[in-house]
PDB file of N, CA and C in Angstrom:
ATOM      1  N   UNK A   1      84.443 117.103  87.115  1.00  0.00           N
ATOM      2  CA  UNK A   1      85.779 116.687  87.517  1.00  0.00           C
ATOM      3  C   UNK A   1      85.788 116.376  89.006  1.00  0.00           C
ATOM      4  N   UNK A   2      86.507 115.330  89.366  1.00  0.00           N
ATOM      5  CA  UNK A   2      86.672 114.954  90.763  1.00  0.00           C
ATOM      6  C   UNK A   2      88.159 114.790  91.034  1.00  0.00           C
ATOM      7  N   UNK A   3      88.607 115.203  92.213  1.00  0.00           N
ATOM      8  CA  UNK A   3      90.005 115.056  92.603  1.00  0.00           C
ATOM      9  C   UNK A   3      90.099 114.180  93.839  1.00  0.00           C
ATOM     10  N   UNK A   4      91.006 113.210  93.791  1.00  0.00           N
ATOM     11  CA  UNK A   4      91.260 112.330  94.938  1.00  0.00           C
ATOM     12  C   UNK A   4      92.765 112.233  95.138  1.00  0.00           C
ATOM     13  N   UNK A   5      93.178 111.893  96.359  1.00  0.00           N
ATOM     14  CA  UNK A   5      94.599 111.682  96.630  1.00  0.00           C
ATOM     15  C   UNK A   5      94.907 110.205  96.479  1.00  0.00           C
ATOM     16  N   UNK A   6      95.994 109.911  95.762  1.00  0.00           N
ATOM     17  CA  UNK A   6      96.395 108.522  95.584  1.00  0.00           C
ATOM     18  C   UNK A   6      97.843 108.333  96.012  1.00  0.00           C
ATOM     19  N   UNK A   7      98.204 107.088  96.254  1.00  0.00           N
ATOM     20  CA  UNK A   7      99.574 106.738  96.606  1.00  0.00           C
ATOM     21  C   UNK A   7     100.095 105.735  95.586  1.00  0.00           C
ATOM     22  N   UNK A   8     101.217 106.054  94.967  1.00  0.00           N
ATOM     23  CA  UNK A   8     101.875 105.166  93.993  1.00  0.00           C
ATOM     24  C   UNK A   8     103.318 104.974  94.439  1.00  0.00           C
ATOM     25  N   UNK A   9     103.493 104.287  95.566  1.00  0.00           N
ATOM     26  CA  UNK A   9     104.816 104.225  96.190  1.00  0.00           C
ATOM     27  C   UNK A   9     105.652 103.008  95.800  1.00  0.00           C
ATOM     28  N   UNK A  10     105.298 102.332  94.696  1.00  0.00           N
ATOM     29  CA  UNK A  10     106.140 101.236  94.207  1.00  0.00           C
ATOM     30  C   UNK A  10     105.985 101.117  92.687  1.00  0.00           C
ATOM     31  N   UNK A  11     106.963 100.495  92.048  1.00  0.00           N
ATOM     32  CA  UNK A  11     106.920 100.326  90.599  1.00  0.00           C
ATOM     33  C   UNK A  11     105.706  99.482  90.204  1.00  0.00           C
ATOM     34  N   UNK A  12     105.440  98.442  90.961  1.00  0.00           N
ATOM     35  CA  UNK A  12     104.290  97.580  90.681  1.00  0.00           C
ATOM     36  C   UNK A  12     102.972  98.327  90.753  1.00  0.00           C
ATOM     37  N   UNK A  13     102.857  99.216  91.743  1.00  0.00           N
ATOM     38  CA  UNK A  13     101.629 100.012  91.875  1.00  0.00           C
ATOM     39  C   UNK A  13     101.453 100.956  90.693  1.00  0.00           C
ATOM     40  N   UNK A  14     102.538 101.546  90.224  1.00  0.00           N
ATOM     41  CA  UNK A  14     102.464 102.455  89.079  1.00  0.00           C
ATOM     42  C   UNK A  14     101.980 101.693  87.847  1.00  0.00           C
ATOM     43  N   UNK A  15     102.568 100.524  87.596  1.00  0.00           N
ATOM     44  CA  UNK A  15     102.174  99.726  86.427  1.00  0.00           C
ATOM     45  C   UNK A  15     100.706  99.326  86.497  1.00  0.00           C
ATOM     46  N   UNK A  16     100.259  98.816  87.644  1.00  0.00           N
ATOM     47  CA  UNK A  16      98.860  98.375  87.746  1.00  0.00           C
ATOM     48  C   UNK A  16      97.899  99.563  87.702  1.00  0.00           C
ATOM     49  N   UNK A  17      98.320 100.728  88.254  1.00  0.00           N
ATOM     50  CA  UNK A  17      97.497 101.935  88.192  1.00  0.00           C
ATOM     51  C   UNK A  17      97.276 102.363  86.748  1.00  0.00           C
ATOM     52  N   UNK A  18      98.358 102.416  85.952  1.00  0.00           N
ATOM     53  CA  UNK A  18      98.241 102.821  84.550  1.00  0.00           C
ATOM     54  C   UNK A  18      97.377 101.817  83.780  1.00  0.00           C
ATOM     55  N   UNK A  19      97.573 100.530  84.035  1.00  0.00           N
ATOM     56  CA  UNK A  19      96.736  99.512  83.374  1.00  0.00           C
ATOM     57  C   UNK A  19      95.265  99.698  83.731  1.00  0.00           C
ATOM     58  N   UNK A  20      94.987 100.075  84.965  1.00  0.00           N
ATOM     59  CA  UNK A  20      93.604 100.280  85.413  1.00  0.00           C
ATOM     60  C   UNK A  20      92.969 101.477  84.717  1.00  0.00           C
ATOM     61  N   UNK A  21      93.650 102.627  84.700  1.00  0.00           N
ATOM     62  CA  UNK A  21      93.004 103.823  84.145  1.00  0.00           C
ATOM     63  C   UNK A  21      92.955 103.840  82.625  1.00  0.00           C
ATOM     64  N   UNK A  22      93.817 103.055  81.964  1.00  0.00           N
ATOM     65  CA  UNK A  22      93.747 103.036  80.499  1.00  0.00           C
ATOM     66  C   UNK A  22      92.492 102.312  80.007  1.00  0.00           C
ATOM     67  N   UNK A  23      91.789 101.638  80.891  1.00  0.00           N
ATOM     68  CA  UNK A  23      90.516 100.992  80.534  1.00  0.00           C
ATOM     69  C   UNK A  23      89.411 102.021  80.305  1.00  0.00           C
ATOM     70  N   UNK A  24      89.612 103.226  80.807  1.00  0.00           N
ATOM     71  CA  UNK A  24      88.591 104.263  80.730  1.00  0.00           C
ATOM     72  C   UNK A  24      88.953 105.294  79.659  1.00  0.00           C
ATOM     73  N   UNK A  25      87.929 105.781  78.944  1.00  0.00           N
ATOM     74  CA  UNK A  25      88.150 106.751  77.863  1.00  0.00           C
ATOM     75  C   UNK A  25      88.102 108.200  78.338  1.00  0.00           C
ATOM     76  N   UNK A  26      88.464 108.442  79.564  1.00  0.00           N
ATOM     77  CA  UNK A  26      88.444 109.793  80.126  1.00  0.00           C
ATOM     78  C   UNK A  26      89.881 110.254  80.345  1.00  0.00           C
ATOM     79  N   UNK A  27      90.037 111.564  80.572  1.00  0.00           N
ATOM     80  CA  UNK A  27      91.356 112.111  80.870  1.00  0.00           C
ATOM     81  C   UNK A  27      91.595 112.075  82.374  1.00  0.00           C
ATOM     82  N   UNK A  28      92.831 111.750  82.740  1.00  0.00           N
ATOM     83  CA  UNK A  28      93.250 111.719  84.138  1.00  0.00           C
ATOM     84  C   UNK A  28      94.551 112.505  84.232  1.00  0.00           C
ATOM     85  N   UNK A  29      94.635 113.418  85.197  1.00  0.00           N
ATOM     86  CA  UNK A  29      95.858 114.192  85.413  1.00  0.00           C
ATOM     87  C   UNK A  29      96.367 113.948  86.820  1.00  0.00           C
ATOM     88  N   UNK A  30      97.683 113.816  86.954  1.00  0.00           N
ATOM     89  CA  UNK A  30      98.312 113.760  88.267  1.00  0.00           C
ATOM     90  C   UNK A  30      98.909 115.126  88.547  1.00  0.00           C
ATOM     91  N   UNK A  31      98.641 115.640  89.752  1.00  0.00           N
ATOM     92  CA  UNK A  31      99.076 116.982  90.130  1.00  0.00           C
ATOM     93  C   UNK A  31      99.965 116.877  91.365  1.00  0.00           C
ATOM     94  N   UNK A  32     101.195 117.305  91.203  1.00  0.00           N
ATOM     95  CA  UNK A  32     102.151 117.289  92.309  1.00  0.00           C
ATOM     96  C   UNK A  32     102.843 118.649  92.324  1.00  0.00           C
ATOM     97  N   UNK A  33     102.440 119.476  93.277  1.00  0.00           N
ATOM     98  CA  UNK A  33     102.984 120.834  93.327  1.00  0.00           C
ATOM     99  C   UNK A  33     102.580 121.598  92.080  1.00  0.00           C
ATOM    100  N   UNK A  34     103.549 122.107  91.335  1.00  0.00           N
ATOM    101  CA  UNK A  34     103.232 122.866  90.122  1.00  0.00           C
ATOM    102  C   UNK A  34     103.245 121.998  88.866  1.00  0.00           C
ATOM    103  N   UNK A  35     103.498 120.700  89.032  1.00  0.00           N
ATOM    104  CA  UNK A  35     103.539 119.790  87.886  1.00  0.00           C
ATOM    105  C   UNK A  35     102.197 119.108  87.665  1.00  0.00           C
ATOM    106  N   UNK A  36     101.751 119.090  86.423  1.00  0.00           N
ATOM    107  CA  UNK A  36     100.537 118.383  86.023  1.00  0.00           C
ATOM    108  C   UNK A  36     100.933 117.475  84.864  1.00  0.00           C
ATOM    109  N   UNK A  37     100.734 116.168  85.052  1.00  0.00           N
ATOM    110  CA  UNK A  37     101.113 115.232  83.993  1.00  0.00           C
ATOM    111  C   UNK A  37      99.946 114.301  83.676  1.00  0.00           C
ATOM    112  N   UNK A  38      99.989 113.727  82.497  1.00  0.00           N
ATOM    113  CA  UNK A  38      98.985 112.763  82.064  1.00  0.00           C
ATOM    114  C   UNK A  38      99.165 111.494  82.893  1.00  0.00           C
ATOM    115  N   UNK A  39      98.108 111.092  83.602  1.00  0.00           N
ATOM    116  CA  UNK A  39      98.208 109.934  84.490  1.00  0.00           C
ATOM    117  C   UNK A  39      98.350 108.621  83.734  1.00  0.00           C
ATOM    118  N   UNK A  40      98.126 108.630  82.431  1.00  0.00           N
ATOM    119  CA  UNK A  40      98.272 107.409  81.641  1.00  0.00           C
ATOM    120  C   UNK A  40      99.705 107.237  81.127  1.00  0.00           C
ATOM    121  N   UNK A  41     100.586 108.157  81.482  1.00  0.00           N
ATOM    122  CA  UNK A  41     101.982 108.129  81.038  1.00  0.00           C
ATOM    123  C   UNK A  41     102.883 107.583  82.150  1.00  0.00           C
ATOM    124  N   UNK A  42     103.369 106.371  81.956  1.00  0.00           N
ATOM    125  CA  UNK A  42     104.251 105.771  82.964  1.00  0.00           C
ATOM    126  C   UNK A  42     105.506 106.621  83.156  1.00  0.00           C
ATOM    127  N   UNK A  43     106.093 107.081  82.054  1.00  0.00           N
ATOM    128  CA  UNK A  43     107.305 107.904  82.160  1.00  0.00           C
ATOM    129  C   UNK A  43     107.015 109.207  82.906  1.00  0.00           C
ATOM    130  N   UNK A  44     105.866 109.794  82.643  1.00  0.00           N
ATOM    131  CA  UNK A  44     105.489 111.013  83.352  1.00  0.00           C
ATOM    132  C   UNK A  44     105.344 110.784  84.842  1.00  0.00           C
ATOM    133  N   UNK A  45     104.725 109.670  85.213  1.00  0.00           N
ATOM    134  CA  UNK A  45     104.524 109.356  86.634  1.00  0.00           C
ATOM    135  C   UNK A  45     105.868 109.216  87.345  1.00  0.00           C
ATOM    136  N   UNK A  46     106.827 108.549  86.680  1.00  0.00           N
ATOM    137  CA  UNK A  46     108.126 108.357  87.320  1.00  0.00           C
ATOM    138  C   UNK A  46     108.927 109.652  87.433  1.00  0.00           C
ATOM    139  N   UNK A  47     108.472 110.724  86.780  1.00  0.00           N
ATOM    140  CA  UNK A  47     109.158 112.012  86.931  1.00  0.00           C
ATOM    141  C   UNK A  47     108.697 112.748  88.188  1.00  0.00           C
ATOM    142  N   UNK A  48     107.661 112.218  88.863  1.00  0.00           N
ATOM    143  CA  UNK A  48     107.132 112.851  90.072  1.00  0.00           C
ATOM    144  C   UNK A  48     107.763 112.255  91.328  1.00  0.00           C
ATOM    145  N   UNK A  49     107.608 112.961  92.444  1.00  0.00           N
ATOM    146  CA  UNK A  49     108.042 112.454  93.744  1.00  0.00           C
ATOM    147  C   UNK A  49     106.970 111.489  94.237  1.00  0.00           C
ATOM    148  N   UNK A  50     107.241 110.188  94.174  1.00  0.00           N
ATOM    149  CA  UNK A  50     106.244 109.178  94.532  1.00  0.00           C
ATOM    150  C   UNK A  50     106.289 108.798  96.005  1.00  0.00           C
ATOM    151  N   UNK A  51     107.118 109.477  96.786  1.00  0.00           N
ATOM    152  CA  UNK A  51     107.223 109.140  98.202  1.00  0.00           C
ATOM    153  C   UNK A  51     106.062 109.702  99.023  1.00  0.00           C
ATOM    154  N   UNK A  52     105.275 110.589  98.423  1.00  0.00           N
ATOM    155  CA  UNK A  52     104.129 111.155  99.138  1.00  0.00           C
ATOM    156  C   UNK A  52     102.887 111.086  98.240  1.00  0.00           C
ATOM    157  N   UNK A  53     101.691 111.212  98.822  1.00  0.00           N
ATOM    158  CA  UNK A  53     100.470 111.138  98.017  1.00  0.00           C
ATOM    159  C   UNK A  53     100.410 112.221  96.935  1.00  0.00           C
ATOM    160  N   UNK A  54      99.737 111.887  95.839  1.00  0.00           N
ATOM    161  CA  UNK A  54      99.605 112.773  94.680  1.00  0.00           C
ATOM    162  C   UNK A  54      98.127 112.983  94.409  1.00  0.00           C
ATOM    163  N   UNK A  55      97.757 114.178  93.949  1.00  0.00           N
ATOM    164  CA  UNK A  55      96.365 114.444  93.586  1.00  0.00           C
ATOM    165  C   UNK A  55      96.080 113.905  92.192  1.00  0.00           C
ATOM    166  N   UNK A  56      94.970 113.186  92.061  1.00  0.00           N
ATOM    167  CA  UNK A  56      94.520 112.669  90.768  1.00  0.00           C
ATOM    168  C   UNK A  56      93.242 113.396  90.388  1.00  0.00           C
ATOM    169  N   UNK A  57      93.264 114.106  89.262  1.00  0.00           N
ATOM    170  CA  UNK A  57      92.074 114.789  88.741  1.00  0.00           C
ATOM    171  C   UNK A  57      91.435 113.872  87.701  1.00  0.00           C
ATOM    172  N   UNK A  58      90.177 113.516  87.950  1.00  0.00           N
ATOM    173  CA  UNK A  58      89.434 112.632  87.050  1.00  0.00           C
ATOM    174  C   UNK A  58      88.466 113.504  86.256  1.00  0.00           C
ATOM    175  N   UNK A  59      88.658 113.571  84.944  1.00  0.00           N
ATOM    176  CA  UNK A  59      87.815 114.401  84.080  1.00  0.00           C
ATOM    177  C   UNK A  59      86.730 113.527  83.456  1.00  0.00           C
ATOM    178  N   UNK A  60      85.754 113.146  84.283  1.00  0.00           N
ATOM    179  CA  UNK A  60      84.679 112.269  83.812  1.00  0.00           C
ATOM    180  C   UNK A  60      83.343 112.789  84.315  1.00  0.00           C
ATOM    181  N   UNK A  61      82.356 112.760  83.441  1.00  0.00           N
ATOM    182  CA  UNK A  61      81.005 113.161  83.836  1.00  0.00           C
ATOM    183  C   UNK A  61      80.140 111.944  84.157  1.00  0.00           C
ATOM    184  N   UNK A  62      80.525 110.804  83.605  1.00  0.00           N
ATOM    185  CA  UNK A  62      79.765 109.574  83.834  1.00  0.00           C
ATOM    186  C   UNK A  62      80.707 108.496  84.349  1.00  0.00           C
ATOM    187  N   UNK A  63      80.150 107.414  84.835  1.00  0.00           N
ATOM    188  CA  UNK A  63      80.920 106.249  85.308  1.00  0.00           C
ATOM    189  C   UNK A  63      81.845 106.578  86.481  1.00  0.00           C
ATOM    190  N   UNK A  64      81.604 107.658  87.195  1.00  0.00           N
ATOM    191  CA  UNK A  64      82.507 108.059  88.272  1.00  0.00           C
ATOM    192  C   UNK A  64      82.578 106.997  89.367  1.00  0.00           C
ATOM    193  N   UNK A  65      81.447 106.403  89.720  1.00  0.00           N
ATOM    194  CA  UNK A  65      81.446 105.360  90.746  1.00  0.00           C
ATOM    195  C   UNK A  65      82.286 104.167  90.314  1.00  0.00           C
ATOM    196  N   UNK A  66      82.169 103.789  89.055  1.00  0.00           N
ATOM    197  CA  UNK A  66      82.937 102.665  88.520  1.00  0.00           C
ATOM    198  C   UNK A  66      84.436 102.983  88.538  1.00  0.00           C
ATOM    199  N   UNK A  67      84.789 104.202  88.171  1.00  0.00           N
ATOM    200  CA  UNK A  67      86.192 104.621  88.169  1.00  0.00           C
ATOM    201  C   UNK A  67      86.753 104.613  89.589  1.00  0.00           C
ATOM    202  N   UNK A  68      86.012 105.184  90.537  1.00  0.00           N
ATOM    203  CA  UNK A  68      86.486 105.239  91.919  1.00  0.00           C
ATOM    204  C   UNK A  68      86.627 103.839  92.515  1.00  0.00           C
ATOM    205  N   UNK A  69      85.730 102.940  92.142  1.00  0.00           N
ATOM    206  CA  UNK A  69      85.824 101.560  92.626  1.00  0.00           C
ATOM    207  C   UNK A  69      87.096 100.891  92.086  1.00  0.00           C
ATOM    208  N   UNK A  70      87.398 101.115  90.803  1.00  0.00           N
ATOM    209  CA  UNK A  70      88.598 100.542  90.196  1.00  0.00           C
ATOM    210  C   UNK A  70      89.872 101.135  90.812  1.00  0.00           C
ATOM    211  N   UNK A  71      89.798 102.403  91.227  1.00  0.00           N
ATOM    212  CA  UNK A  71      90.977 103.078  91.797  1.00  0.00           C
ATOM    213  C   UNK A  71      91.109 102.923  93.299  1.00  0.00           C
ATOM    214  N   UNK A  72      90.168 102.239  93.922  1.00  0.00           N
ATOM    215  CA  UNK A  72      90.150 102.114  95.381  1.00  0.00           C
ATOM    216  C   UNK A  72      91.480 101.652  95.999  1.00  0.00           C
ATOM    217  N   UNK A  73      92.196 100.687  95.384  1.00  0.00           N
ATOM    218  CA  UNK A  73      93.471 100.266  96.009  1.00  0.00           C
ATOM    219  C   UNK A  73      94.533 101.359  96.089  1.00  0.00           C
ATOM    220  N   UNK A  74      94.376 102.427  95.298  1.00  0.00           N
ATOM    221  CA  UNK A  74      95.384 103.480  95.252  1.00  0.00           C
ATOM    222  C   UNK A  74      94.988 104.733  96.037  1.00  0.00           C
ATOM    223  N   UNK A  75      93.705 104.858  96.360  1.00  0.00           N
ATOM    224  CA  UNK A  75      93.195 106.070  97.021  1.00  0.00           C
ATOM    225  C   UNK A  75      93.631 106.107  98.480  1.00  0.00           C
ATOM    226  N   UNK A  76      94.141 107.261  98.892  1.00  0.00           N
ATOM    227  CA  UNK A  76      94.563 107.473 100.277  1.00  0.00           C
ATOM    228  C   UNK A  76      93.314 107.792 101.091  1.00  0.00           C
ATOM    229  N   UNK A  77      93.119 107.033 102.160  1.00  0.00           N
ATOM    230  CA  UNK A  77      91.918 107.229 102.993  1.00  0.00           C
ATOM    231  C   UNK A  77      92.260 107.870 104.303  1.00  0.00           C
TER     232      UNK A  77
END
């Protein structure tokens, strides 16, 4: 498992983020405070405070480089 911080501060970013991660057959969780939601759930994402960065837990043993490359536009650097 790898955790990265991402920013989803617009509706367009949320839609493109979900479209990006649904290409992968791994589980992704968004963690904001005490809330943990399925990152592939648009409705779940909109229940979070999107004004600040959110932790993304990537539950993948393989293809991690490919996943991180696809998520690069959302990762907080």
